[in-house]
């Protein structure tokens, strides 16, 4: 009696291959999410590299399914990996915080302290007097690195708790006043310690 090899065993067919398909889909969809983000942000050289790796991993996953079309567990692993990869890709993109955003603040209160704080922190700020639905308002615009948004929102709430604000992606920003990136500052500190 011939003993089946590990690659022909039930464990390999029903556990290992579905897990490989699941994790391959997580990897390729997460990379695909990053590729789309880098395309939207105008990173012309990173997007094709992500695309190459994404498709290579996808081909490996789909190849396993095509060899075993009768195993429904492979389809479930494929779909679950796709869904998980989307979620993970969004978390990775949020964690990386690549690019710049414009923060648009509309306030009816005196905004001088908020503007002063932003300027003293190194942010370029533009203010405009405008007319809102209920009277005079001040529009405040600042373009910041995405990584800075989490630290600026509490400042808006501190100085103007009822201010309306929106945050939108900026594809390209030039010739402005931008404080050094926290990541760049951290990198420079690490180099000085060495």
Protein backbone atom coordinates (compact mmCIF):
# COMPACT_ATOMS: atom_id res chain seq x y z
CA UNK A 1 0.00 0.00 0.00
CA UNK A 2 1.38 3.34 -1.06
CA UNK A 3 1.38 6.15 1.51
CA UNK A 4 0.24 9.50 0.07
CA UNK A 5 2.76 12.30 0.20
CA UNK A 6 2.17 15.33 2.38
CA UNK A 7 1.11 17.33 -0.69
CA UNK A 8 -1.63 14.80 -1.42
CA UNK A 9 -2.80 14.47 2.18
CA UNK A 10 -6.19 15.68 3.40
CA UNK A 11 -4.47 18.11 5.77
CA UNK A 12 -2.63 19.78 2.92
CA UNK A 13 -5.68 19.91 0.65
CA UNK A 14 -8.23 21.02 3.30
CA UNK A 15 -6.07 23.20 5.58
CA UNK A 16 -2.74 24.29 4.10
CA UNK A 17 -3.89 25.30 0.60
CA UNK A 18 -6.95 27.25 1.85
CA UNK A 19 -4.71 29.09 4.34
CA UNK A 20 -2.16 29.84 1.62
CA UNK A 21 -4.91 31.19 -0.65
CA UNK A 22 -6.36 33.24 2.22
CA UNK A 23 -3.03 34.85 3.13
CA UNK A 24 -2.03 35.35 -0.51
CA UNK A 25 -5.27 37.29 -1.09
CA UNK A 26 -4.68 39.38 2.03
CA UNK A 27 -1.22 40.27 0.74
CA UNK A 28 -2.21 41.03 -2.84
CA UNK A 29 -5.33 43.05 -1.97
CA UNK A 30 -3.45 45.05 0.69
CA UNK A 31 -0.72 45.77 -1.84
CA UNK A 32 -3.41 46.67 -4.39
CA UNK A 33 -4.91 49.17 -1.96
CA UNK A 34 -1.49 50.75 -1.49
CA UNK A 35 -0.97 50.83 -5.27
CA UNK A 36 -4.25 52.73 -5.74
CA UNK A 37 -3.32 55.17 -2.97
CA UNK A 38 0.07 55.83 -4.53
CA UNK A 39 -1.51 56.34 -7.96
CA UNK A 40 -3.99 58.84 -6.49
CA UNK A 41 -1.17 60.68 -4.72
CA UNK A 42 0.93 60.85 -7.90
CA UNK A 43 3.78 58.49 -6.90
CA UNK A 44 4.58 57.38 -10.45
CA UNK A 45 7.43 55.04 -9.59
CA UNK A 46 6.07 53.23 -6.53
CA UNK A 47 2.69 52.30 -8.02
CA UNK A 48 4.11 50.01 -10.77
CA UNK A 49 6.30 48.17 -8.24
CA UNK A 50 3.28 47.52 -6.03
CA UNK A 51 1.33 46.45 -9.14
CA UNK A 52 4.00 43.91 -10.11
CA UNK A 53 4.05 42.30 -6.65
CA UNK A 54 0.24 42.40 -6.39
CA UNK A 55 -0.29 40.52 -9.65
CA UNK A 56 2.47 38.01 -8.93
CA UNK A 57 0.84 37.04 -5.62
CA UNK A 58 -2.62 37.03 -7.22
CA UNK A 59 -1.44 34.63 -9.92
CA UNK A 60 -0.17 32.23 -7.27
CA UNK A 61 -3.51 32.30 -5.44
CA UNK A 62 -5.68 31.96 -8.53
CA UNK A 63 -3.42 29.20 -9.83
CA UNK A 64 -4.27 27.04 -6.81
CA UNK A 65 -7.98 27.58 -7.34
CA UNK A 66 -7.80 26.75 -11.04
CA UNK A 67 -6.03 23.47 -10.24
CA UNK A 68 -8.74 22.52 -7.75
CA UNK A 69 -12.01 23.89 -9.10
CA UNK A 70 -14.07 21.31 -7.21
CA UNK A 71 -12.97 22.36 -3.72
CA UNK A 72 -15.47 24.96 -2.39
CA UNK A 73 -13.24 25.77 0.59
CA UNK A 74 -10.76 27.40 -1.80
CA UNK A 75 -13.46 29.81 -2.97
CA UNK A 76 -14.30 30.72 0.62
CA UNK A 77 -10.61 31.24 1.43
CA UNK A 78 -10.23 33.41 -1.68
CA UNK A 79 -13.25 35.60 -0.79
CA UNK A 80 -12.31 35.85 2.91
CA UNK A 81 -8.76 36.84 1.99
CA UNK A 82 -10.08 39.50 -0.38
CA UNK A 83 -12.34 41.02 2.30
CA UNK A 84 -9.62 40.88 4.97
CA UNK A 85 -7.07 42.35 2.55
CA UNK A 86 -9.33 45.33 1.88
CA UNK A 87 -9.67 46.02 5.59
CA UNK A 88 -5.96 45.55 6.26
CA UNK A 89 -5.03 47.72 3.26
CA UNK A 90 -7.14 50.58 4.62
CA UNK A 91 -5.45 50.31 8.03
CA UNK A 92 -2.00 50.25 6.44
CA UNK A 93 -2.83 53.29 4.30
CA UNK A 94 -4.14 55.16 7.34
CA UNK A 95 -1.05 54.21 9.37
CA UNK A 96 1.36 55.35 6.64
CA UNK A 97 -0.48 58.69 6.26
CA UNK A 98 1.14 59.42 2.89
CA UNK A 99 0.69 62.80 1.26
CA UNK A 100 -0.83 66.13 2.18
CA UNK A 101 -4.33 67.34 2.99
CA UNK A 102 -6.03 70.69 3.14
CA UNK A 103 -7.86 71.51 6.33
CA UNK A 104 -10.65 73.99 5.73
CA UNK A 105 -12.03 75.58 8.92
CA UNK A 106 -15.13 77.80 9.05
CA UNK A 107 -15.79 79.60 12.31
CA UNK A 108 -18.06 82.38 13.56
CA UNK A 109 -15.94 82.97 16.66
CA UNK A 110 -12.72 84.93 16.90
CA UNK A 111 -10.13 82.74 15.20
CA UNK A 112 -7.02 84.78 16.01
CA UNK A 113 -5.73 82.37 18.70
CA UNK A 114 -6.20 79.36 16.44
CA UNK A 115 -4.47 81.10 13.52
CA UNK A 116 -1.66 82.28 15.80
CA UNK A 117 -1.15 78.77 17.16
CA UNK A 118 -1.04 77.21 13.67
CA UNK A 119 1.42 79.82 12.40
CA UNK A 120 3.65 79.54 15.48
CA UNK A 121 3.69 75.76 14.90
CA UNK A 122 5.12 76.34 11.42
CA UNK A 123 1.97 75.80 9.35
CA UNK A 124 1.10 78.09 6.48
CA UNK A 125 -2.33 79.58 7.13
CA UNK A 126 -4.60 81.60 4.86
CA UNK A 127 -7.64 83.38 6.27
CA UNK A 128 -10.57 84.86 4.40
CA UNK A 129 -13.51 86.90 5.67
CA UNK A 130 -16.70 85.44 4.25
CA UNK A 131 -20.46 85.37 4.64
CA UNK A 132 -22.12 82.17 5.86
CA UNK A 133 -25.76 81.13 6.12
CA UNK A 134 -26.13 82.84 9.51
CA UNK A 135 -23.74 85.78 9.16
CA UNK A 136 -20.06 86.65 8.99
CA UNK A 137 -17.55 83.81 9.21
CA UNK A 138 -13.81 83.37 8.94
CA UNK A 139 -12.42 80.77 6.52
CA UNK A 140 -9.08 79.30 7.52
CA UNK A 141 -7.08 77.16 5.11
CA UNK A 142 -3.94 75.19 5.85
CA UNK A 143 -2.19 72.44 3.90
CA UNK A 144 -0.50 69.86 6.14
CA UNK A 145 1.04 66.41 5.99
CA UNK A 146 -1.61 63.76 6.62
CA UNK A 147 0.33 62.59 9.66
CA UNK A 148 -0.33 66.00 11.29
CA UNK A 149 -4.14 65.89 11.07
CA UNK A 150 -4.51 63.92 14.31
CA UNK A 151 -2.64 66.63 16.22
CA UNK A 152 -4.39 69.61 14.57
CA UNK A 153 -8.03 68.52 15.08
CA UNK A 154 -7.80 68.77 18.91
CA UNK A 155 -6.34 72.27 18.52
CA UNK A 156 -9.32 73.32 16.41
CA UNK A 157 -11.65 71.97 19.12
CA UNK A 158 -9.67 73.76 21.83
CA UNK A 159 -9.76 77.24 20.26
CA UNK A 160 -13.06 76.98 18.33
CA UNK A 161 -15.09 74.02 19.63
CA UNK A 162 -18.06 74.62 17.31
CA UNK A 163 -16.02 75.31 14.18
CA UNK A 164 -16.92 73.44 11.01
CA UNK A 165 -13.93 71.83 9.36
CA UNK A 166 -13.26 69.50 6.48
CA UNK A 167 -10.16 67.55 5.52
CA UNK A 168 -9.50 66.72 1.87
CA UNK A 169 -6.64 65.06 0.03
CA UNK A 170 -4.28 67.27 -1.94
CA UNK A 171 -2.66 65.69 -4.95
CA UNK A 172 0.00 68.37 -5.35
CA UNK A 173 1.10 71.32 -3.22
CA UNK A 174 4.10 73.55 -3.94
CA UNK A 175 5.62 76.79 -2.74
CA UNK A 176 3.86 76.74 0.62
CA UNK A 177 4.98 76.88 4.21
CA UNK A 178 5.20 73.38 5.63
CA UNK A 179 6.70 72.40 8.97
CA UNK A 180 9.19 69.53 8.83
CA UNK A 181 7.53 66.13 8.77
CA UNK A 182 7.45 64.36 12.14
CA UNK A 183 8.88 61.29 10.48
CA UNK A 184 11.69 63.32 8.94
CA UNK A 185 12.37 64.97 12.29
CA UNK A 186 12.42 61.58 14.04
CA UNK A 187 14.80 60.21 11.39
CA UNK A 188 17.15 63.16 11.82
CA UNK A 189 17.12 62.66 15.62
CA UNK A 190 18.03 59.00 15.17
CA UNK A 191 20.94 59.92 12.91
CA UNK A 192 22.30 62.41 15.46
CA UNK A 193 22.25 59.73 18.17
CA UNK A 194 24.35 57.34 16.05
